[in-house]
Amino acid sequence: MLFENVNYFTKDGRLRFGSVSTENGRIRDVRMQDESYHAGARFLLPGCIDMHTHAMLGSEYFGRNAEAAAKARRALAKSGTTSFLFATMALSEAELIAQCARAGKAAELCKPSDDTEGESRCLGVYLEGPFLSYEKKGAHDAKYLHLPDKAMLNRLNQAANGGIKAVCMAPELEGAIELANDIKNNKIVSLAHSAADYDASLYAFKNGFSNLTHTFNAMQPMLHRAPGPVAAAYESEGITAEFIGDGVHIKPAMLRILFRLFTYERLILISDSISVCGMADGVYTGVDGQRIRLENGMATIDGTGTIAGSAMPMFAALKRLISFGIPAEEVIATATINPAKRLGIENKLGAIEEGFMADMLLCSAKLDIEKVFISGKEI
């Protein structure tokens, strides 16, 4: 398949103008005609890689209802996310084991496969619960919170065929630092749902933690006399920061500041989408039984002001970030090549490069998705 006169995105974070051809599920040839992108031309972008998404269209991606789960994975792909990590909630160990088993099987040991049958490509599991702080639990059910437990993690990872890629923990919890140091060489250890202050966070980033989960949310704020985990992450070498770009979880001014503070190379756009994503306004029963109110793009636990998660797919958030005045190339990188690098698959996914998998979005000059391709097949 040949795409001519398109703006395409490269692994060095640049938009170039030229032609791209694909063959047998891979990008075969990339021919640059101009080092700068052309206004008015269509875009050929790598599919988004969402490291942190729970659900869509009323179903988790690996919930008990296989038909609804498959429908959610297809909708995820259609929305522009062609690869993802399945993010769990704090649930019973038995339910987590079942979900990890389904996700691990779909991910084929979390190695990208060539045939997804129109579904977004599962790359593994993002274990958000249950090693979280009660004080900053957010939408997670308190009765399922658990102190960091290596044996439990091993059981979950075994169920996922070794497919747990990221483990979230509140570093102030007993056993968190020890577990982080133990798994840091083969898992992303992420500070999440934590009451840790600046000093505790700084210590965590020196002892196995290497990522911030949904920056600014479910953590101590960044204040002038109490700088908190965001400042600790900024001052620690090699720490990446996930963020939700819907403009609800973080206001536009703070998003612009975040890009200037960390620079785009250290940022990873996530959706943190939950089951109401893609639904009309209303009150729904979430996958964990909680009542979720969706109103004007904000999903909250019904009867409270607690944000339950995002209702915006990742590519829609990408476009919104650009509308906030953040440079397009920087935003695109946070949704594509940056998560690919974090997952160690930057030689396969995340850019339009020769030999890469042909997971691509053909978009109009206004960045509206026209076609989605996974392994070179239009879905």
Protein backbone atom coordinates (compact mmCIF):
# COMPACT_ATOMS: atom_id res chain seq x y z
CA MET A 1 0.00 0.00 0.00
CA LEU A 2 1.31 3.45 -0.91
CA PHE A 3 0.66 6.73 0.91
CA GLU A 4 1.84 9.73 -1.09
CA ASN A 5 2.25 13.37 -0.09
CA VAL A 6 1.71 12.87 3.62
CA ASN A 7 3.17 14.33 6.80
CA TYR A 8 4.63 11.36 8.66
CA PHE A 9 6.12 11.11 12.16
CA THR A 10 9.65 9.79 12.70
CA LYS A 11 11.41 8.19 15.66
CA ASP A 12 13.37 11.40 16.30
CA GLY A 13 10.12 13.19 17.07
CA ARG A 14 9.76 15.11 13.83
CA LEU A 15 7.04 15.49 11.22
CA ARG A 16 8.42 15.08 7.70
CA PHE A 17 6.74 15.26 4.31
CA GLY A 18 6.96 12.47 1.75
CA SER A 19 5.66 9.02 0.82
CA VAL A 20 5.34 5.78 2.76
CA SER A 21 4.68 2.24 1.54
CA THR A 22 3.77 -0.90 3.45
CA GLU A 23 4.00 -4.61 2.75
CA ASN A 24 3.24 -7.77 4.76
CA GLY A 25 2.23 -5.83 7.84
CA ARG A 26 5.40 -3.73 7.97
CA ILE A 27 6.48 -0.32 6.76
CA ARG A 28 8.58 -1.14 3.71
CA ASP A 29 9.80 2.20 2.42
CA VAL A 30 9.86 5.80 3.66
CA ARG A 31 10.89 8.51 1.20
CA MET A 32 11.30 12.03 2.54
CA GLN A 33 10.59 14.90 0.17
CA ASP A 34 10.84 17.72 2.72
CA GLU A 35 12.31 17.91 6.24
CA SER A 36 9.37 20.06 7.34
CA TYR A 37 5.72 19.11 7.35
CA HIS A 38 3.36 20.69 4.81
CA ALA A 39 0.28 22.58 5.93
CA GLY A 40 -2.79 21.27 4.17
CA ALA A 41 -1.39 17.76 3.65
CA ARG A 42 -2.79 14.69 5.34
CA PHE A 43 -0.98 13.05 8.24
CA LEU A 44 0.24 9.46 8.50
CA LEU A 45 0.92 8.91 12.19
CA PRO A 46 1.89 5.88 14.21
CA GLY A 47 -1.01 4.46 16.18
CA CYS A 48 -1.20 5.68 19.76
CA ILE A 49 0.30 3.46 22.48
CA ASP A 50 -1.74 3.84 25.67
CA MET A 51 0.18 2.56 28.68
CA HIS A 52 -2.73 3.12 31.04
CA THR A 53 -6.30 2.41 29.96
CA HIS A 54 -8.93 0.41 31.84
CA ALA A 55 -12.06 0.15 29.75
CA MET A 56 -14.38 1.56 27.11
CA LEU A 57 -18.01 1.27 25.99
CA GLY A 58 -19.16 -0.24 29.28
CA SER A 59 -16.58 -3.03 29.48
CA GLU A 60 -13.06 -3.66 30.65
CA TYR A 61 -10.83 -4.94 27.88
CA PHE A 62 -10.52 -8.30 29.62
CA GLY A 63 -13.69 -8.46 31.65
CA ARG A 64 -15.82 -11.55 32.17
CA ASN A 65 -18.05 -10.90 29.15
CA ALA A 66 -15.77 -11.90 26.27
CA GLU A 67 -18.00 -10.40 23.57
CA ALA A 68 -18.26 -7.02 25.31
CA ALA A 69 -14.52 -7.02 26.00
CA ALA A 70 -13.69 -7.69 22.34
CA LYS A 71 -16.07 -4.90 21.32
CA ALA A 72 -14.24 -2.54 23.67
CA ARG A 73 -10.85 -3.52 22.21
CA ARG A 74 -12.14 -2.90 18.69
CA ALA A 75 -13.54 0.48 19.72
CA LEU A 76 -10.20 1.33 21.30
CA ALA A 77 -8.45 0.63 18.00
CA LYS A 78 -11.00 2.65 16.03
CA SER A 79 -10.40 5.60 18.38
CA GLY A 80 -6.73 5.68 17.35
CA THR A 81 -5.08 3.56 20.05
CA THR A 82 -3.55 0.59 18.26
CA SER A 83 -1.53 -0.77 21.23
CA PHE A 84 -2.13 -0.66 24.97
CA LEU A 85 -1.40 -1.94 28.43
CA PHE A 86 -4.50 -3.15 30.23
CA ALA A 87 -4.75 -1.23 33.51
CA THR A 88 -6.33 -3.04 36.44
CA MET A 89 -8.29 -1.67 39.37
CA ALA A 90 -8.01 -2.72 43.00
CA LEU A 91 -10.07 -5.92 42.99
CA SER A 92 -10.00 -9.25 44.78
CA GLU A 93 -6.94 -11.34 44.06
CA ALA A 94 -9.09 -13.98 42.39
CA GLU A 95 -10.56 -11.44 39.98
CA LEU A 96 -7.16 -9.88 39.29
CA ILE A 97 -5.73 -13.31 38.52
CA ALA A 98 -8.56 -13.96 36.06
CA GLN A 99 -8.07 -10.60 34.34
CA CYS A 100 -4.29 -11.00 34.19
CA ALA A 101 -4.71 -14.46 32.67
CA ARG A 102 -7.00 -13.16 29.93
CA ALA A 103 -4.74 -10.19 29.18
CA GLY A 104 -1.59 -12.29 29.22
CA LYS A 105 -3.08 -14.75 26.77
CA ALA A 106 -4.15 -11.96 24.43
CA ALA A 107 -0.72 -10.38 24.58
CA GLU A 108 1.03 -13.66 23.66
CA LEU A 109 3.60 -13.15 26.38
CA CYS A 110 3.24 -9.41 25.67
CA LYS A 111 5.16 -9.59 22.39
CA PRO A 112 3.50 -7.76 19.47
CA SER A 113 1.79 -10.14 17.09
CA ASP A 114 0.91 -9.57 13.47
CA ASP A 115 -2.81 -10.39 13.56
CA THR A 116 -5.14 -8.63 15.99
CA GLU A 117 -8.40 -9.17 14.06
CA GLY A 118 -9.23 -5.48 14.22
CA GLU A 119 -8.61 -5.17 17.93
CA SER A 120 -6.09 -2.90 19.60
CA ARG A 121 -2.84 -4.74 20.26
CA CYS A 122 -2.49 -5.75 23.94
CA LEU A 123 1.12 -5.43 25.10
CA GLY A 124 0.61 -6.56 28.68
CA VAL A 125 -0.74 -5.51 32.07
CA TYR A 126 -0.44 -2.24 33.99
CA LEU A 127 -1.08 -3.25 37.60
CA GLU A 128 -2.58 -0.11 39.10
CA GLY A 129 -4.20 -1.80 42.10
CA PRO A 130 -3.99 -3.02 44.83
CA PHE A 131 -0.74 -1.66 46.40
CA LEU A 132 -2.14 1.83 46.91
CA SER A 133 -2.63 4.34 49.74
CA TYR A 134 -6.01 4.48 51.45
CA GLU A 135 -5.63 8.26 51.80
CA LYS A 136 -5.21 8.72 48.04
CA LYS A 137 -7.26 5.77 46.80
CA GLY A 138 -9.38 7.86 44.41
CA ALA A 139 -11.91 5.61 42.68
CA HIS A 140 -10.31 2.36 43.90
CA ASP A 141 -12.38 0.28 46.34
CA ALA A 142 -10.77 0.53 49.79
CA LYS A 143 -11.63 -3.04 50.75
CA TYR A 144 -9.32 -4.39 48.07
CA LEU A 145 -6.27 -2.29 48.93
CA HIS A 146 -3.28 -4.37 49.99
CA LEU A 147 0.21 -3.79 51.30
CA PRO A 148 2.91 -4.52 48.71
CA ASP A 149 3.27 -8.28 48.60
CA LYS A 150 5.92 -10.03 46.50
CA ALA A 151 4.20 -13.42 46.66
CA MET A 152 0.91 -11.92 45.49
CA LEU A 153 2.65 -10.06 42.68
CA ASN A 154 4.33 -13.28 41.59
CA ARG A 155 0.97 -15.06 41.46
CA LEU A 156 -0.52 -12.28 39.34
CA ASN A 157 2.49 -12.16 37.05
CA GLN A 158 2.42 -15.93 36.60
CA ALA A 159 -1.26 -15.71 35.66
CA ALA A 160 -0.34 -13.07 33.07
CA ASN A 161 2.35 -15.33 31.56
CA GLY A 162 4.97 -12.86 32.77
CA GLY A 163 3.05 -10.04 31.14
CA ILE A 164 2.85 -7.48 33.95
CA LYS A 165 4.87 -4.58 32.56
CA ALA A 166 4.22 -1.94 35.22
CA VAL A 167 3.49 -2.12 38.94
CA CYS A 168 1.98 0.84 40.77
CA MET A 169 2.69 1.37 44.45
CA ALA A 170 2.47 4.04 47.11
CA PRO A 171 6.11 4.16 48.28
CA GLU A 172 5.23 5.05 51.87
CA LEU A 173 3.55 1.67 52.36
CA GLU A 174 5.39 -1.03 54.30
CA GLY A 175 7.36 -3.22 51.91
CA ALA A 176 7.08 -0.91 48.88
CA ILE A 177 10.72 0.14 48.68
CA GLU A 178 11.95 -3.42 49.14
CA LEU A 179 9.65 -4.72 46.42
CA ALA A 180 10.56 -1.87 44.08
CA ASN A 181 14.26 -2.62 44.38
CA ASP A 182 13.55 -6.29 43.80
CA ILE A 183 11.59 -5.86 40.55
CA LYS A 184 13.05 -2.65 39.09
CA ASN A 185 15.15 -4.45 36.47
CA ASN A 186 12.20 -6.13 34.75
CA LYS A 187 9.16 -4.00 35.66
CA ILE A 188 8.30 -0.33 35.49
CA VAL A 189 7.70 0.67 39.11
CA SER A 190 5.38 3.66 39.28
CA LEU A 191 4.52 6.00 42.13
CA ALA A 192 0.73 6.02 42.29
CA HIS A 193 -2.17 6.88 44.60
CA SER A 194 0.28 8.00 47.23
CA ALA A 195 0.44 10.42 50.16
CA ALA A 196 4.25 10.50 49.97
CA ASP A 197 5.84 13.93 50.40
CA TYR A 198 8.85 15.29 48.51
CA ASP A 199 11.48 13.54 50.63
CA ALA A 200 9.72 10.16 50.57
CA SER A 201 9.20 10.45 46.82
CA LEU A 202 12.82 11.41 46.22
CA TYR A 203 13.90 8.36 48.22
CA ALA A 204 11.56 6.17 46.17
CA PHE A 205 13.04 7.44 42.89
CA LYS A 206 16.47 6.48 44.18
CA ASN A 207 15.21 3.02 45.10
CA GLY A 208 13.48 1.36 42.19
CA PHE A 209 10.63 3.73 41.31
CA SER A 210 10.99 5.18 37.81
CA ASN A 211 7.61 6.60 36.79
CA LEU A 212 4.75 8.83 37.97
CA THR A 213 1.21 7.55 37.44
CA HIS A 214 -1.27 10.21 36.20
CA THR A 215 0.89 13.14 37.31
CA PHE A 216 -0.76 15.65 39.67
CA ASN A 217 -3.67 13.27 40.32
CA ALA A 218 -4.03 11.10 43.46
CA MET A 219 -0.81 12.49 44.94
CA GLN A 220 0.37 15.40 47.05
CA PRO A 221 0.19 18.74 45.25
CA MET A 222 3.19 20.77 44.13
CA LEU A 223 3.41 23.70 46.55
CA HIS A 224 6.12 26.25 47.22
CA ARG A 225 6.90 24.91 50.71
CA ALA A 226 5.81 21.32 50.09
CA PRO A 227 6.98 20.46 46.55
CA GLY A 228 5.68 16.88 46.62
CA PRO A 229 6.30 13.97 44.23
CA VAL A 230 6.11 15.98 41.00
CA ALA A 231 9.11 18.08 42.01
CA ALA A 232 10.91 14.95 43.22
CA ALA A 233 10.34 13.29 39.85
CA TYR A 234 11.54 16.37 37.98
CA GLU A 235 14.77 16.44 40.00
CA SER A 236 15.44 12.71 39.61
CA GLU A 237 17.28 11.51 36.53
CA GLY A 238 15.50 9.17 34.16
CA ILE A 239 12.03 9.42 35.70
CA THR A 240 9.10 9.51 33.28
CA ALA A 241 5.77 11.14 34.04
CA GLU A 242 2.44 9.91 32.73
CA PHE A 243 -0.30 12.51 32.40
CA ILE A 244 -3.94 12.63 31.36
CA GLY A 245 -4.48 15.19 28.60
CA ASP A 246 -8.25 15.64 28.62
CA GLY A 247 -8.12 19.10 30.20
CA VAL A 248 -10.28 17.81 33.07
CA HIS A 249 -7.69 16.03 35.20
CA ILE A 250 -5.17 18.82 34.62
CA LYS A 251 -6.10 22.33 33.54
CA PRO A 252 -4.58 23.62 30.28
CA ALA A 253 -2.21 26.10 31.96
CA MET A 254 -0.75 23.33 34.12
CA LEU A 255 -0.40 21.07 31.10
CA ARG A 256 1.64 23.75 29.33
CA ILE A 257 3.77 24.15 32.45
CA LEU A 258 4.24 20.38 32.68
CA PHE A 259 5.66 20.28 29.14
CA ARG A 260 8.04 23.12 29.93
CA LEU A 261 9.11 21.63 33.25
CA PHE A 262 9.80 18.03 32.22
CA THR A 263 10.24 18.62 28.47
CA TYR A 264 8.30 16.33 26.19
CA GLU A 265 10.98 13.61 26.14
CA ARG A 266 10.09 12.57 29.70
CA LEU A 267 6.32 12.73 29.32
CA ILE A 268 3.91 9.92 28.41
CA LEU A 269 0.33 10.70 27.46
CA ILE A 270 -2.23 8.23 28.83
CA SER A 271 -5.99 8.11 28.64
CA ASP A 272 -6.77 6.39 31.98
CA SER A 273 -10.09 5.74 30.27
CA ILE A 274 -12.79 3.86 32.14
CA SER A 275 -15.96 2.07 31.10
CA VAL A 276 -17.96 5.26 30.39
CA CYS A 277 -15.49 6.29 27.68
CA GLY A 278 -17.41 6.47 24.41
CA MET A 279 -20.80 6.64 26.17
CA ALA A 280 -23.46 9.35 26.33
CA ASP A 281 -23.94 11.44 29.48
CA GLY A 282 -25.71 9.51 32.22
CA VAL A 283 -25.21 7.41 35.34
CA TYR A 284 -23.72 3.95 34.84
CA THR A 285 -22.60 1.02 36.94
CA GLY A 286 -18.85 0.73 36.64
CA VAL A 287 -16.99 -2.53 36.16
CA ASP A 288 -16.26 -2.66 39.91
CA GLY A 289 -19.89 -2.01 40.84
CA GLN A 290 -19.53 1.70 41.62
CA ARG A 291 -22.02 4.19 40.19
CA ILE A 292 -20.28 6.50 37.72
CA ARG A 293 -21.79 9.80 36.59
CA LEU A 294 -20.69 11.08 33.18
CA GLU A 295 -21.54 14.72 32.60
CA ASN A 296 -19.96 17.21 30.20
CA GLY A 297 -16.92 15.01 29.69
CA MET A 298 -16.22 14.44 33.38
CA ALA A 299 -16.63 11.02 34.98
CA THR A 300 -17.11 11.06 38.75
CA ILE A 301 -18.22 8.61 41.42
CA ASP A 302 -21.91 9.45 41.65
CA GLY A 303 -22.74 11.65 44.62
CA THR A 304 -19.14 12.77 45.13
CA GLY A 305 -16.69 15.06 43.42
CA THR A 306 -14.12 12.29 43.04
CA ILE A 307 -12.96 11.87 39.45
CA ALA A 308 -13.34 8.20 38.53
CA GLY A 309 -11.15 8.25 35.42
CA SER A 310 -11.21 9.64 31.92
CA ALA A 311 -14.01 9.53 29.38
CA MET A 312 -11.78 10.68 26.50
CA PRO A 313 -9.88 8.37 24.12
CA MET A 314 -6.20 9.06 23.75
CA PHE A 315 -6.18 10.51 20.24
CA ALA A 316 -8.95 12.94 21.16
CA ALA A 317 -6.80 14.08 24.09
CA LEU A 318 -3.84 14.45 21.72
CA LYS A 319 -5.85 16.84 19.57
CA ARG A 320 -7.02 18.74 22.63
CA LEU A 321 -3.45 19.21 23.85
CA ILE A 322 -2.49 20.71 20.50
CA SER A 323 -5.47 23.06 20.79
CA PHE A 324 -4.05 24.20 24.14
CA GLY A 325 -1.01 25.56 22.31
CA ILE A 326 1.44 22.70 22.91
CA PRO A 327 3.55 21.95 19.79
CA ALA A 328 2.11 19.12 17.70
CA GLU A 329 5.38 17.21 17.36
CA GLU A 330 5.88 17.21 21.14
CA VAL A 331 2.34 16.00 21.79
CA ILE A 332 2.53 13.24 19.18
CA ALA A 333 5.79 11.98 20.69
CA THR A 334 4.19 11.60 24.13
CA ALA A 335 1.54 9.32 22.63
CA THR A 336 3.76 7.22 20.37
CA ILE A 337 7.54 6.98 20.50
CA ASN A 338 7.83 7.89 24.20
CA PRO A 339 5.68 5.01 25.49
CA ALA A 340 7.38 2.73 22.96
CA LYS A 341 10.75 3.65 24.46
CA ARG A 342 9.46 3.16 27.98
CA LEU A 343 8.28 -0.34 27.03
CA GLY A 344 11.45 -1.19 25.11
CA ILE A 345 9.71 -1.61 21.75
CA GLU A 346 10.92 1.56 20.04
CA ASN A 347 12.40 -0.50 17.20
CA LYS A 348 8.94 -1.94 16.36
CA LEU A 349 6.25 0.60 17.20
CA GLY A 350 5.79 4.30 17.82
CA ALA A 351 7.03 5.86 14.58
CA ILE A 352 6.77 5.71 10.79
CA GLU A 353 10.09 4.04 10.04
CA GLU A 354 11.20 1.33 7.65
CA GLY A 355 10.79 -2.13 9.19
CA PHE A 356 8.37 -0.96 11.87
CA MET A 357 4.96 -2.56 12.24
CA ALA A 358 2.39 -0.81 10.07
CA ASP A 359 0.13 0.33 12.92
CA MET A 360 -0.87 3.71 11.53
CA LEU A 361 -3.48 6.45 11.51
CA LEU A 362 -4.29 8.24 8.27
CA CYS A 363 -5.63 11.64 9.27
CA SER A 364 -6.91 14.72 7.51
CA ALA A 365 -4.99 17.98 7.52
CA LYS A 366 -7.06 18.88 10.62
CA LEU A 367 -5.99 15.64 12.36
CA ASP A 368 -9.35 13.93 12.06
CA ILE A 369 -8.88 10.16 11.78
CA GLU A 370 -9.89 8.87 8.35
CA LYS A 371 -8.50 5.32 8.49
CA VAL A 372 -6.84 3.08 11.08
CA PHE A 373 -4.38 0.36 10.12
CA ILE A 374 -3.06 -2.45 12.31
CA SER A 375 -0.30 -4.54 10.76
CA GLY A 376 -1.07 -2.79 7.49
CA LYS A 377 -4.73 -3.89 7.49
CA GLU A 378 -7.46 -1.27 7.54
CA ILE A 379 -9.89 -1.92 10.38
